[in-house]
Amino acid sequence: MKQLGARAGLALAVMAAVMGVLLFAPAGTLRYAQAWVYLGVFMGASVLMTLDLLRRDPALLERRLKGGPKAEKEPTQKLIVRCAALGFAALLVVPALDHRFGWSAAPPGGAVAGNALVAAGLYLIHLVYRENTFAAASIDVAEQQTVVSTGPYAIVRHPMYAGAALYFIGTPLALGSYWGFVPAAALMAIVVWRLVDEERFLVRHLPGYVDYRQRVQHRLVPFVW
C-alpha cells in the first residue's frame, strides 16, 4: 500500500510539474492568476480523488496508473491516446499564449464559471470511480468484469467522458481565454472517436453490454446523444 501511495504521489507531482510548464512557460510569466487558481482546483481535486482511491479501491488506483499509448491493446486506441495527449497540451498552451499576447480576454466571471465546470467534471469522474471499480485508464475487459448500470451509468453509457467534456469546456474559461475553445473542441472530437471505438470493443468482449446499450440509450449527453 505504501509503495502504491508513493507511486501515485509521484504521478501527481509529475502531472503538476508538466501542467505548470505548459501553463507558465508559454505565458512567459508566473503572474498568471487564472492559471494558479485553475491548477489549484485541478490538483486539489486530483489529490482528494487519489487519496479516496488509495483508501477505498487500491486496485482501481493501480489500474488508473497504467495508462498511456503503451497500455492500449488496440492500434486505433494507441493513436487516439497520442492525439488526446497532444490535445490536452494544446488545451493549456493556447490559453497561456492568449494570456501572453492578449488575443482575447474572458471576463472574471467566466473564470469562476470555468473553474466550477472543471470541478463539476472532476466530481463526475470521482462518482464514476466510486461506482465502477473497472474504470481503467486503457480500453480492456478485466477478468470477472461485469457491466455497471447504476449511478451515473444509469443516465449515460460513458459518464467518465461526460465529466471530461465538462472539464474541457471549463478549462478555457477558467484560464481566461476564448481561443482555448479551439483545442477544447478538438479534444471533444477525440473523445467521441475514442467512445465510438470503445463501444465496438465492449460489444465484442464484455458480456451483457449489448443489452445495456438498449436500456441506456444515450452515450454522452442525456436526452441528446
Protein backbone atom coordinates (compact mmCIF):
# COMPACT_ATOMS: atom_id res chain seq x y z
CA MET A 1 0.00 0.00 0.00
CA LYS A 2 2.82 2.40 0.85
CA GLN A 3 4.51 1.66 -2.46
CA LEU A 4 1.27 2.32 -4.35
CA GLY A 5 0.81 5.57 -2.45
CA ALA A 6 4.36 6.64 -3.30
CA ARG A 7 3.83 5.87 -7.00
CA ALA A 8 0.55 7.77 -7.01
CA GLY A 9 2.15 10.72 -5.24
CA LEU A 10 4.99 10.78 -7.78
CA ALA A 11 2.47 10.67 -10.64
CA LEU A 12 0.62 13.65 -9.14
CA ALA A 13 3.87 15.59 -8.70
CA VAL A 14 4.89 14.92 -12.29
CA MET A 15 1.44 15.94 -13.51
CA ALA A 16 1.58 19.20 -11.54
CA ALA A 17 5.07 19.96 -12.89
CA VAL A 18 4.09 19.24 -16.51
CA MET A 19 0.91 21.29 -16.27
CA GLY A 20 2.86 24.13 -14.66
CA VAL A 21 5.37 24.15 -17.52
CA LEU A 22 2.60 24.04 -20.14
CA LEU A 23 0.83 26.97 -18.48
CA PHE A 24 3.57 29.31 -17.36
CA ALA A 25 6.31 28.83 -19.96
CA PRO A 26 4.11 29.86 -22.93
CA ALA A 27 2.61 32.66 -20.82
CA GLY A 28 6.12 33.99 -20.26
CA THR A 29 5.34 34.86 -16.65
CA LEU A 30 4.34 33.41 -13.32
CA ARG A 31 1.92 36.33 -12.88
CA TYR A 32 -0.99 34.43 -14.37
CA ALA A 33 -3.62 34.38 -11.63
CA GLN A 34 -6.18 32.36 -13.57
CA ALA A 35 -3.62 29.61 -14.14
CA TRP A 36 -2.74 29.40 -10.45
CA VAL A 37 -6.39 29.11 -9.42
CA TYR A 38 -7.10 26.56 -12.15
CA LEU A 39 -4.05 24.49 -11.22
CA GLY A 40 -5.11 24.60 -7.58
CA VAL A 41 -8.62 23.39 -8.41
CA PHE A 42 -7.37 20.61 -10.67
CA MET A 43 -4.59 19.35 -8.42
CA GLY A 44 -6.67 19.70 -5.25
CA ALA A 45 -9.41 17.53 -6.76
CA SER A 46 -6.84 15.07 -8.11
CA VAL A 47 -5.20 14.67 -4.69
CA LEU A 48 -8.56 14.09 -3.00
CA MET A 49 -9.60 11.50 -5.59
CA THR A 50 -6.27 9.73 -5.30
CA LEU A 51 -6.47 9.57 -1.51
CA ASP A 52 -10.00 8.22 -1.75
CA LEU A 53 -8.94 5.51 -4.19
CA LEU A 54 -5.91 4.62 -2.09
CA ARG A 55 -8.17 4.08 0.92
CA ARG A 56 -11.24 2.59 -0.75
CA ASP A 57 -10.16 0.90 -4.00
CA PRO A 58 -6.38 0.49 -4.40
CA ALA A 59 -6.91 -1.99 -7.26
CA LEU A 60 -8.62 0.73 -9.29
CA LEU A 61 -5.86 3.20 -8.46
CA GLU A 62 -3.35 0.64 -9.71
CA ARG A 63 -5.30 0.34 -12.96
CA ARG A 64 -5.53 4.13 -13.32
CA LEU A 65 -1.75 4.44 -13.02
CA LYS A 66 -1.27 2.15 -16.02
CA GLY A 67 -2.32 4.49 -18.79
CA GLY A 68 -0.88 5.89 -21.99
CA PRO A 69 -0.45 4.54 -25.53
CA LYS A 70 1.64 1.54 -24.41
CA ALA A 71 -1.18 0.33 -22.16
CA GLU A 72 -3.65 0.17 -25.04
CA LYS A 73 -4.05 -3.12 -26.91
CA GLU A 74 -5.98 -1.81 -29.91
CA PRO A 75 -3.92 0.10 -32.55
CA THR A 76 -6.69 2.64 -33.01
CA GLN A 77 -6.77 3.39 -29.29
CA LYS A 78 -3.00 3.85 -29.23
CA LEU A 79 -3.40 6.55 -31.89
CA ILE A 80 -6.36 8.11 -30.07
CA VAL A 81 -4.43 8.36 -26.80
CA ARG A 82 -1.49 10.03 -28.55
CA CYS A 83 -3.85 12.54 -30.15
CA ALA A 84 -5.53 13.15 -26.78
CA ALA A 85 -2.16 13.88 -25.15
CA LEU A 86 -1.37 16.48 -27.81
CA GLY A 87 -4.86 17.92 -27.45
CA PHE A 88 -4.50 18.20 -23.67
CA ALA A 89 -1.18 20.01 -24.06
CA ALA A 90 -2.79 22.43 -26.52
CA LEU A 91 -5.70 22.96 -24.10
CA LEU A 92 -3.21 24.56 -21.69
CA VAL A 93 -0.69 26.08 -24.09
CA VAL A 94 -3.18 28.00 -26.25
CA PRO A 95 -4.78 29.90 -23.31
CA ALA A 96 -1.30 30.61 -21.94
CA LEU A 97 -0.24 32.11 -25.28
CA ASP A 98 -3.52 34.01 -25.34
CA HIS A 99 -2.68 35.45 -21.92
CA ARG A 100 0.78 36.44 -23.13
CA PHE A 101 -0.25 38.11 -26.38
CA GLY A 102 -3.73 39.33 -25.45
CA TRP A 103 -5.64 37.64 -28.27
CA SER A 104 -8.83 37.56 -26.19
CA ALA A 105 -9.98 38.29 -22.66
CA ALA A 106 -12.77 36.35 -20.96
CA PRO A 107 -14.43 38.29 -18.10
CA PRO A 108 -13.58 37.45 -14.46
CA GLY A 109 -17.00 35.86 -14.03
CA GLY A 110 -16.08 33.48 -16.84
CA ALA A 111 -13.11 32.22 -14.83
CA VAL A 112 -15.39 31.48 -11.88
CA ALA A 113 -17.83 29.61 -14.12
CA GLY A 114 -14.96 27.78 -15.80
CA ASN A 115 -13.48 26.55 -12.55
CA ALA A 116 -16.97 25.47 -11.45
CA LEU A 117 -17.28 23.39 -14.64
CA VAL A 118 -13.80 21.93 -14.10
CA ALA A 119 -14.72 20.97 -10.53
CA ALA A 120 -18.07 19.52 -11.66
CA GLY A 121 -16.38 17.46 -14.35
CA LEU A 122 -13.82 16.08 -11.93
CA TYR A 123 -16.54 15.32 -9.38
CA LEU A 124 -18.47 13.34 -12.00
CA ILE A 125 -15.30 11.36 -12.72
CA HIS A 126 -14.99 10.75 -8.97
CA LEU A 127 -18.55 9.35 -8.95
CA VAL A 128 -17.57 7.02 -11.80
CA TYR A 129 -14.61 5.75 -9.78
CA ARG A 130 -16.88 5.04 -6.82
CA GLU A 131 -19.39 3.19 -8.98
CA ASN A 132 -17.10 1.23 -11.30
CA THR A 133 -14.01 -0.49 -9.95
CA PHE A 134 -13.07 -1.49 -13.51
CA ALA A 135 -12.75 2.12 -14.77
CA ALA A 136 -9.21 1.62 -16.06
CA ALA A 137 -7.21 4.20 -17.98
CA SER A 138 -6.97 1.89 -21.00
CA ILE A 139 -9.61 0.07 -23.05
CA ASP A 140 -9.72 -3.53 -21.86
CA VAL A 141 -12.00 -6.06 -20.18
CA ALA A 142 -10.64 -7.39 -16.91
CA GLU A 143 -11.23 -10.85 -15.50
CA GLN A 144 -14.65 -11.06 -13.80
CA GLN A 145 -15.62 -7.62 -15.13
CA THR A 146 -19.35 -7.03 -15.44
CA VAL A 147 -21.49 -4.28 -16.92
CA VAL A 148 -22.13 -1.41 -14.50
CA SER A 149 -25.55 0.17 -14.97
CA THR A 150 -26.07 2.04 -11.70
CA GLY A 151 -25.22 5.57 -10.56
CA PRO A 152 -24.14 7.81 -13.43
CA TYR A 153 -24.10 4.76 -15.72
CA ALA A 154 -27.90 4.68 -15.47
CA ILE A 155 -28.03 8.08 -17.21
CA VAL A 156 -25.36 7.85 -19.92
CA ARG A 157 -23.17 4.96 -21.03
CA HIS A 158 -19.92 6.91 -20.73
CA PRO A 159 -20.18 9.21 -17.69
CA MET A 160 -16.40 9.49 -17.36
CA TYR A 161 -16.20 11.05 -20.80
CA ALA A 162 -19.14 13.29 -19.88
CA GLY A 163 -17.08 14.51 -16.91
CA ALA A 164 -14.09 15.04 -19.20
CA ALA A 165 -16.31 17.08 -21.53
CA LEU A 166 -17.28 19.43 -18.68
CA TYR A 167 -13.59 19.76 -17.82
CA PHE A 168 -12.65 20.57 -21.44
CA ILE A 169 -15.38 23.23 -21.70
CA GLY A 170 -14.48 24.78 -18.37
CA THR A 171 -10.71 24.99 -18.89
CA PRO A 172 -10.61 27.84 -21.48
CA LEU A 173 -12.99 29.94 -19.36
CA ALA A 174 -11.03 29.20 -16.19
CA LEU A 175 -7.84 30.33 -17.92
CA GLY A 176 -9.47 33.49 -19.33
CA SER A 177 -9.21 32.54 -22.99
CA TYR A 178 -11.77 32.25 -25.77
CA TRP A 179 -9.12 30.82 -28.12
CA GLY A 180 -8.81 27.88 -25.76
CA PHE A 181 -12.11 26.59 -27.10
CA VAL A 182 -10.32 25.56 -30.31
CA PRO A 183 -8.28 22.75 -28.68
CA ALA A 184 -11.26 22.04 -26.40
CA ALA A 185 -13.38 21.33 -29.47
CA ALA A 186 -10.62 19.14 -30.91
CA LEU A 187 -10.46 17.19 -27.64
CA MET A 188 -14.22 16.70 -27.71
CA ALA A 189 -13.91 15.21 -31.19
CA ILE A 190 -11.16 12.88 -29.92
CA VAL A 191 -13.38 11.82 -27.00
CA VAL A 192 -16.19 10.95 -29.40
CA TRP A 193 -13.72 9.00 -31.55
CA ARG A 194 -12.49 7.04 -28.52
CA LEU A 195 -16.01 6.47 -27.23
CA VAL A 196 -17.33 5.05 -30.50
CA ASP A 197 -14.30 2.77 -30.91
CA GLU A 198 -14.54 1.68 -27.26
CA GLU A 199 -18.17 0.68 -27.72
CA ARG A 200 -17.22 -1.55 -30.64
CA PHE A 201 -14.69 -3.25 -28.37
CA LEU A 202 -17.13 -3.66 -25.46
CA VAL A 203 -19.84 -5.10 -27.69
CA ARG A 204 -17.41 -7.82 -28.76
CA HIS A 205 -15.75 -8.55 -25.43
CA LEU A 206 -17.97 -7.56 -22.47
CA PRO A 207 -20.95 -9.90 -21.83
CA GLY A 208 -24.19 -8.00 -21.30
CA TYR A 209 -23.05 -4.79 -22.94
CA VAL A 210 -25.44 -5.15 -25.90
CA ASP A 211 -28.42 -5.35 -23.53
CA TYR A 212 -27.06 -2.40 -21.54
CA ARG A 213 -26.89 -0.29 -24.72
CA GLN A 214 -30.56 -1.00 -25.31
CA ARG A 215 -31.53 0.01 -21.77
CA VAL A 216 -29.40 3.21 -21.64
CA GLN A 217 -29.92 4.97 -24.94
CA HIS A 218 -27.58 7.95 -24.63
CA ARG A 219 -23.81 7.75 -24.84
CA LEU A 220 -22.56 11.10 -23.55
CA VAL A 221 -25.24 13.77 -23.15
CA PRO A 222 -28.58 12.86 -21.53
CA PHE A 223 -31.55 13.12 -23.94
CA VAL A 224 -29.23 14.28 -26.76
CA TRP A 225 -26.64 11.65 -27.77
